[in-house]
Every structure is written in structure tokens, then in C-alpha cells.
Amino acid sequence: MRLTDEEVQSLLQEIEDWKLVEERWITKKYRFQDYLQGIDNGSLFT
């Protein structure tokens, strides 16, 4: 089921740091002080 543009914009206002890119993708950047900490933190994506 695809969301309408209005639904996407409404939901994006409810969550922090997520952005709509190219009117197709939602993205969020994660930054770590230590590169290996970012790689080893598998629980972040599960």
C-alpha cells in the first residue's frame, strides 16, 4: 500500500530527523564518534 504525499508529509512531521529524498525515499543519518562503534552497533538496525 502506497501512502499519499499528504500522508507522508504528515507522518514525517511526527518523527525527528527523517527526511523525504527525491519524493521517493525516507532517510535518516546516524553519526558515531567512532567508526567501529557504528559498525558494531548492529542492534541499531534490528
Protein backbone atom coordinates (compact mmCIF):
# COMPACT_ATOMS: atom_id res chain seq x y z
CA MET A 1 0.00 0.00 0.00
CA ARG A 2 1.45 3.33 -1.04
CA LEU A 3 0.98 6.45 1.08
CA THR A 4 -0.23 9.67 -0.48
CA ASP A 5 2.07 12.70 -0.47
CA GLU A 6 -0.10 14.27 2.23
CA GLU A 7 0.15 11.16 4.42
CA VAL A 8 3.94 11.06 4.04
CA GLN A 9 4.32 14.74 4.95
CA SER A 10 2.01 14.34 7.94
CA LEU A 11 3.92 11.34 9.27
CA LEU A 12 7.33 12.97 8.71
CA GLN A 13 6.25 15.83 10.97
CA GLU A 14 5.72 13.33 13.78
CA ILE A 15 9.24 11.87 13.74
CA GLU A 16 12.59 13.57 14.22
CA ASP A 17 15.47 13.61 11.75
CA TRP A 18 13.79 11.64 8.95
CA LYS A 19 13.63 13.36 5.57
CA LEU A 20 11.97 12.71 2.23
CA VAL A 21 14.51 12.46 -0.61
CA GLU A 22 13.63 12.71 -4.29
CA GLU A 23 9.95 12.33 -3.38
CA ARG A 24 10.59 8.59 -3.10
CA TRP A 25 12.81 7.65 -0.14
CA ILE A 26 12.80 8.45 3.54
CA THR A 27 16.24 8.69 5.11
CA LYS A 28 17.88 9.32 8.44
CA LYS A 29 21.57 9.91 9.13
CA TYR A 30 23.32 8.30 12.04
CA ARG A 31 26.62 9.70 13.29
CA PHE A 32 29.05 7.99 15.60
CA GLN A 33 32.16 9.41 17.19
CA ASP A 34 33.93 6.13 16.48
CA TYR A 35 33.59 4.42 13.09
CA LEU A 36 33.79 0.91 14.57
CA GLN A 37 31.13 1.76 17.14
CA GLY A 38 28.77 2.48 14.24
CA ILE A 39 29.60 -0.79 12.51
CA ASP A 40 29.44 -2.90 15.69
CA ASN A 41 26.12 -1.43 16.78
CA GLY A 42 24.01 -3.99 14.90
CA SER A 43 21.11 -3.51 17.31
CA LEU A 44 20.58 -0.06 15.82
CA PHE A 45 19.14 -1.60 12.66
CA THR A 46 17.27 -4.57 14.12
